[in-house]
Amino acid sequence: MLLKKIRSLFKKSRKPEIIVVSGLPRSGTSMMMEILHAGGISLLTDNLRKADQDNPRGYFEWERVKKLSEGNHAWLSDAVGKAVKIIAPLLPYLPDAYQYKVVFMNRNMEEILSSQRKMLQRRGEGPQGVEEEKMKDIFEKNLDSVFQFMNANDNVSYIICDYNDILRDPTEDIEKIRRFLDLESDIDGMVDVVDPALYRQRVS
């Protein structure tokens, strides 16, 4: 009877869970959202940002995420039991009302900067070299603050998945994701999402 009561209290005290896909811009977060969807996870997206040359298979975004830094997070209730993409600098603004399981995408920094530059140039907003160095410094500081946040909060658990490794051989990372998220689905469909042809900004 006591054990049953303890389990009941634990169940009631556990916060609702949200899966978060995060990383710096151009780090493979859209690909990861597609992988999770193939694994049977529902996604919180609004399809306002359409697929284009930079992300030909879509962005899988939720526009209201951008309001997190303004304290606008009531929409998080819609993300419970789903996966939502939240860019790395916004993670520290997540409220502690939920449990977050974060799949964090890592990518070679030079590739991130190159991909970002190409995307901005296509939009007529290409940065100059000095601005790119500043961007690198900003990104590195973002990563420091984000990992400090995740390591300091008991309601946040995370794994790091490497974009470059996934494109070379996705099986190991996807199996790691499957265990982390307690997925029962076969990994074959998730692996099939990975398309090496989309790996366009490489450094040797």
Protein backbone atom coordinates (compact mmCIF):
# COMPACT_ATOMS: atom_id res chain seq x y z
CA MET A 1 0.00 0.00 0.00
CA LEU A 2 2.81 2.42 0.93
CA LEU A 3 4.72 1.60 -2.26
CA LYS A 4 1.57 2.20 -4.31
CA LYS A 5 1.07 5.59 -2.62
CA ILE A 6 4.70 6.58 -3.28
CA ARG A 7 4.35 5.67 -6.95
CA SER A 8 1.13 7.66 -7.16
CA LEU A 9 2.77 10.73 -5.61
CA PHE A 10 5.75 10.42 -7.94
CA LYS A 11 3.45 10.20 -10.95
CA LYS A 12 1.52 13.29 -9.87
CA SER A 13 4.68 15.29 -9.15
CA ARG A 14 6.34 14.52 -12.49
CA LYS A 15 6.15 17.44 -14.87
CA PRO A 16 4.70 17.10 -18.38
CA GLU A 17 7.41 16.15 -20.87
CA ILE A 18 8.41 17.98 -24.03
CA ILE A 19 10.98 16.85 -26.58
CA VAL A 20 13.14 19.72 -27.80
CA VAL A 21 15.36 19.66 -30.87
CA SER A 22 17.99 22.36 -30.55
CA GLY A 23 21.34 23.58 -31.83
CA LEU A 24 22.87 26.59 -33.52
CA PRO A 25 21.42 27.78 -36.84
CA ARG A 26 22.34 25.50 -39.77
CA SER A 27 23.32 22.64 -37.47
CA GLY A 28 20.88 20.01 -38.76
CA THR A 29 17.90 20.66 -36.50
CA SER A 30 15.41 20.39 -39.38
CA MET A 31 16.86 17.04 -40.36
CA MET A 32 16.54 15.85 -36.77
CA MET A 33 12.90 16.91 -36.61
CA GLU A 34 12.25 14.82 -39.72
CA ILE A 35 14.11 11.87 -38.18
CA LEU A 36 11.99 12.04 -35.00
CA HIS A 37 8.80 12.23 -37.04
CA ALA A 38 9.87 9.09 -38.90
CA GLY A 39 10.31 7.50 -35.47
CA GLY A 40 6.66 8.11 -34.63
CA ILE A 41 6.93 11.37 -32.69
CA SER A 42 4.38 14.10 -33.34
CA LEU A 43 5.85 17.49 -34.21
CA LEU A 44 4.70 20.95 -33.16
CA THR A 45 5.01 22.95 -36.38
CA ASP A 46 2.95 25.58 -38.19
CA ASN A 47 4.44 25.35 -41.71
CA LEU A 48 4.63 29.14 -41.95
CA ARG A 49 8.24 28.96 -43.12
CA LYS A 50 8.19 27.02 -46.35
CA ALA A 51 10.84 24.74 -47.81
CA ASP A 52 13.37 26.55 -49.99
CA GLN A 53 16.80 26.13 -51.53
CA ASP A 54 18.49 26.19 -48.13
CA ASN A 55 16.14 23.62 -46.57
CA PRO A 56 14.50 21.79 -49.49
CA ARG A 57 12.63 19.41 -47.17
CA GLY A 58 11.27 22.08 -44.85
CA TYR A 59 12.14 23.88 -41.62
CA PHE A 60 9.67 22.22 -39.18
CA GLU A 61 9.34 25.41 -37.14
CA TRP A 62 6.77 26.86 -34.74
CA GLU A 63 6.71 30.65 -35.09
CA ARG A 64 5.76 31.36 -31.48
CA VAL A 65 9.06 29.86 -30.30
CA LYS A 66 10.66 33.19 -31.20
CA LYS A 67 8.68 34.86 -28.41
CA LEU A 68 10.26 32.78 -25.62
CA SER A 69 12.72 35.52 -24.70
CA GLU A 70 9.74 37.85 -24.16
CA GLY A 71 8.17 35.48 -21.64
CA ASN A 72 5.62 34.17 -24.12
CA HIS A 73 5.54 30.45 -23.39
CA ALA A 74 1.87 29.59 -22.79
CA TRP A 75 1.99 27.67 -26.08
CA LEU A 76 4.31 25.09 -24.51
CA SER A 77 1.26 23.22 -23.29
CA ASP A 78 0.62 22.37 -26.95
CA ALA A 79 4.10 20.80 -27.17
CA VAL A 80 3.59 18.23 -24.40
CA GLY A 81 4.27 14.76 -25.77
CA LYS A 82 5.60 16.23 -29.01
CA ALA A 83 8.87 17.51 -30.43
CA VAL A 84 9.43 21.22 -31.04
CA LYS A 85 12.45 22.94 -32.57
CA ILE A 86 13.96 25.66 -30.38
CA ILE A 87 17.15 27.41 -31.43
CA ALA A 88 19.96 27.14 -28.87
CA PRO A 89 20.06 30.75 -27.61
CA LEU A 90 16.39 30.50 -26.57
CA LEU A 91 16.74 27.38 -24.38
CA PRO A 92 17.57 29.33 -21.17
CA TYR A 93 14.17 31.04 -21.45
CA LEU A 94 12.26 27.78 -21.03
CA PRO A 95 10.12 27.79 -17.84
CA ASP A 96 10.63 25.09 -15.23
CA ALA A 97 7.01 23.89 -15.45
CA TYR A 98 7.98 21.05 -17.80
CA GLN A 99 10.47 18.22 -18.20
CA TYR A 100 12.58 18.74 -21.31
CA LYS A 101 14.36 16.00 -23.23
CA VAL A 102 16.73 17.86 -25.53
CA VAL A 103 18.27 16.39 -28.67
CA PHE A 104 21.08 18.87 -29.25
CA MET A 105 22.65 19.06 -32.68
CA ASN A 106 26.37 19.70 -32.96
CA ARG A 107 28.11 20.59 -36.22
CA ASN A 108 31.56 21.73 -37.30
CA MET A 109 31.59 25.48 -36.63
CA GLU A 110 33.21 26.38 -39.95
CA GLU A 111 30.45 24.51 -41.78
CA ILE A 112 27.79 26.32 -39.75
CA LEU A 113 29.29 29.68 -40.64
CA SER A 114 29.68 28.74 -44.30
CA SER A 115 26.08 27.51 -44.52
CA GLN A 116 24.81 30.60 -42.73
CA ARG A 117 26.78 32.85 -45.06
CA LYS A 118 25.42 31.14 -48.18
CA MET A 119 21.86 31.41 -46.90
CA LEU A 120 22.20 35.11 -46.08
CA GLN A 121 23.83 35.84 -49.42
CA ARG A 122 20.90 34.28 -51.23
CA ARG A 123 18.71 36.70 -49.32
CA GLY A 124 20.95 39.64 -50.13
CA GLU A 125 22.16 39.88 -46.53
CA GLY A 126 25.61 38.30 -46.83
CA PRO A 127 27.97 39.26 -43.97
CA GLN A 128 31.51 40.49 -44.48
CA GLY A 129 34.47 38.52 -43.12
CA VAL A 130 34.80 40.58 -39.95
CA GLU A 131 31.09 40.09 -39.23
CA GLU A 132 31.52 36.36 -39.65
CA GLU A 133 34.25 36.36 -37.00
CA LYS A 134 31.89 38.19 -34.67
CA MET A 135 29.19 35.63 -35.46
CA LYS A 136 31.56 32.81 -34.52
CA ASP A 137 32.26 34.49 -31.19
CA ILE A 138 28.54 34.96 -30.55
CA PHE A 139 27.78 31.33 -31.41
CA GLU A 140 30.52 30.03 -29.10
CA LYS A 141 29.22 32.17 -26.23
CA ASN A 142 25.69 30.92 -26.97
CA LEU A 143 26.90 27.34 -26.61
CA ASP A 144 28.61 28.07 -23.29
CA SER A 145 25.48 29.65 -21.79
CA VAL A 146 23.18 26.94 -23.14
CA PHE A 147 25.18 24.07 -21.68
CA GLN A 148 25.46 25.90 -18.36
CA PHE A 149 21.68 26.15 -18.35
CA MET A 150 21.07 22.51 -19.25
CA ASN A 151 23.61 21.20 -16.75
CA ALA A 152 22.19 23.35 -13.95
CA ASN A 153 18.54 22.31 -14.30
CA ASP A 154 17.18 18.98 -13.06
CA ASN A 155 14.18 19.19 -15.39
CA VAL A 156 16.46 19.15 -18.46
CA SER A 157 18.14 16.04 -19.84
CA TYR A 158 19.98 16.02 -23.13
CA ILE A 159 22.05 14.13 -25.62
CA ILE A 160 24.40 15.57 -28.22
CA CYS A 161 24.15 14.31 -31.79
CA ASP A 162 26.77 15.22 -34.34
CA TYR A 163 25.45 16.32 -37.73
CA ASN A 164 28.66 15.38 -39.49
CA ASP A 165 28.65 11.87 -37.98
CA ILE A 166 24.97 11.32 -38.83
CA LEU A 167 25.57 12.19 -42.48
CA ARG A 168 28.50 9.75 -42.62
CA ASP A 169 26.80 6.89 -40.75
CA PRO A 170 23.47 7.61 -39.02
CA THR A 171 22.87 4.25 -37.33
CA GLU A 172 24.80 4.80 -34.09
CA ASP A 173 23.40 8.25 -33.34
CA ILE A 174 19.85 7.29 -34.24
CA GLU A 175 20.01 4.23 -31.99
CA LYS A 176 21.24 6.55 -29.21
CA ILE A 177 18.24 8.83 -29.85
CA ARG A 178 15.85 5.87 -29.81
CA ARG A 179 17.11 4.80 -26.37
CA PHE A 180 17.11 8.34 -25.00
CA LEU A 181 13.49 8.93 -26.02
CA ASP A 182 12.32 5.38 -25.22
CA LEU A 183 11.09 4.85 -28.75
CA GLU A 184 9.79 1.44 -29.72
CA SER A 185 9.91 2.11 -33.44
CA ASP A 186 12.42 0.43 -35.71
CA ILE A 187 15.33 2.69 -36.63
CA ASP A 188 15.27 1.81 -40.34
CA GLY A 189 12.68 4.44 -41.20
CA MET A 190 14.58 7.03 -39.20
CA VAL A 191 17.85 6.17 -40.93
CA ASP A 192 16.17 6.45 -44.34
CA VAL A 193 15.46 10.14 -43.67
CA VAL A 194 19.18 10.97 -43.77
CA ASP A 195 20.17 12.17 -47.26
CA PRO A 196 23.93 12.71 -47.76
CA ALA A 197 23.11 14.71 -50.92
CA LEU A 198 21.95 17.54 -48.65
CA TYR A 199 25.41 17.75 -47.03
CA ARG A 200 26.61 20.69 -49.11
CA GLN A 201 28.75 22.90 -46.84
CA ARG A 202 31.78 20.80 -45.93
CA VAL A 203 35.22 21.52 -44.58
CA SER A 204 38.10 19.13 -45.10
